[in-house]
Amino acid sequence: MNFRPRLFAIALICMAILAGCTPAPRSTLSYEPALAAESTPVSVPPLPTPIPVYAPGTEVAGMPIGGLSATEAESVLATALTANVIPLKLVAGEHTYTIEPTTLQLRPDLTTLLAKAAPALGSNTPVNVPLQLVFNEDALHEQIRAFADETAIPPQVTVISSTEVLSRSFAYLPGRAIDLDRSVAIVSGLLRRGRITTPIALTLWPTNDQPRISTAQLAEQLEQMAEVWDGVAGIYLYDLATGAEVAVNARTVFPGASTIKTAIMLYGYTKLETFTEEQWQKMRLMIIESDNLAANDILAAGAGGIGTDIAFRGAVEMSEMLADLGLEHLYLYIPFEAVDYIKLYNIKYRCGPQDPVGEPPYTETGCALRATPYAIGQLYRMIDECARGKGVLLEKFALLRPDRCQEMLDLLAENADRTRMVAGIPEGIRVEHKSGWIEHTQADAGIVRSPGGDYVLAVYIYKPLGNNLSWSDSLLGGAIADFSRLVYTAYNPIRLQSVAQGETP
């Protein structure tokens, strides 16, 4: 087959097509530059911020919270720790006391716990935070106060004595109690640190509370001592603060001896507005040195003169003054050392009823100079009242004033006798007293100003002479000191140190 004519024809067709595609002249073409399309921003959503969690290994109050967020940790801790708060148990000696958490509003301190765990949040460094609790401090204080009241042990009173027949003293073992403020501080500190898994031991400390011996206890001991004494012992006690009295043979009549000189002093003050220098020196000699002739001079001065014959009148006037004050069986009808004067001048003198007189048991008294522990005790009470601006002495005697009665007490405090009442009292205690002594009787009466209270005490001791001429001061005066010591220790008992400081019984 001859393909040449066909090829030629195809070539002509292609040339015609190419000619039709020839571009037009540049001047005839319309040209406008194309503008680039404006770009529209695409909104891309932000990536979520990671929630911080606690570093692995972080613990709060023993609870692991590593990998938990703050919200998750708070929820976990609130549930777990609240369930772990247990009752609080206190122990003191043999006593235990349980306090429920609700009573104290005891709960975990989540705010503080999470604040202390904050450094581990969002870091790689773990922390370990111990338990801390919060509570109502007033409620805790009241609960510990109740426990203190429950466990307190009062002082234990006892009577100690030596091998001497009459020597007795009141003493006591200190009471014990927890220290309230200290215990509150201890328990509060442990609670805040969450240390409540074991009982909290509180110490029972010796207290400074001093017991007051009752009048019944004192009366019992005085009566036992008086029964032991081979003779008659008369005791009268008056509490200047309460008016309480203890009396053992207090209305038995005894020889007044020189205890009556307190009454002579009062008589002088009621009769003389002022004292001359000589009179004042006589007054001092009578009270401080128990000078008999000085006493006679005061009796005479009170009666308006001098000499023994005037002293007789003064003695009677003084005795009538005492009777007017209601002081029965308290009198002196003749001056001191007047026996020879009576015989020489055949003096008639007043005399009381013959022995026995007054209430039993009886003693040998004579008839011109007598006293009872009760009456002489009342005399001291009256002078003390007068010094405090009240009482019968101010009502009856125009020359008496509180300052003059205090002057009497101050003079009595200078008494030089330290062997009777004062011997049973510690050094440095003020005692306003006057003592007296004869062959078979010794006495001392006055006011004791003690730390544990002020009191009037009168002690008279009588022992029949038998074949003896007299009894020694150490025997009769020692017995007075023994009674004085017992009374003083009733107001100021001796503290025994059987429990060491801080020891828990």
Foldseek 3Di string as FASTA:
>chain_A
DDCVVVVVVVVVVVVVVVVVPDDDDPVVDDDDDDDDDDDDDDDDDDDDDDQWFFAFPAEFQNHGRGPHHPVRVLVVCQVVQQVVDAWFWADFFPDIDTHGCVLFVKGWPSVVRVVVQVVRTNDNDHDYHHTFIDTRLVSLLVRVVVVQVVPKFQWAKDWDADPDLQFIAIATAFIWTFDSVVVSVVVNVCRRRPNRPDHHYTYTFGDPDDDFFDLVNLLVSVQVSQVRDQAGKWKWKAFLPPRDIHTDQQFAKAFQFLQLLLLLVVLLLLQDLDDDPVLVVLNLCCQAVVDQVSSLQSLLVSQPHGDQVSSLVSQVVSQVVLVVVVQPFAGARHGPPCPVVCVVVVDDIDWADAPPDTDDPHDHHGTGGMHGNVSSLVVQSQLVQQLVPDHDVVVPGVSGHNVVSVVLQVSQQNHNDCQALVVLPDPPWGWRKGWGDDFFKTKMWTWTDDPLGIMTMIMMGGHDQVPHPGDDCCVRRVSRSSSSNHVRCSSVPHYDPPDDGRDRD
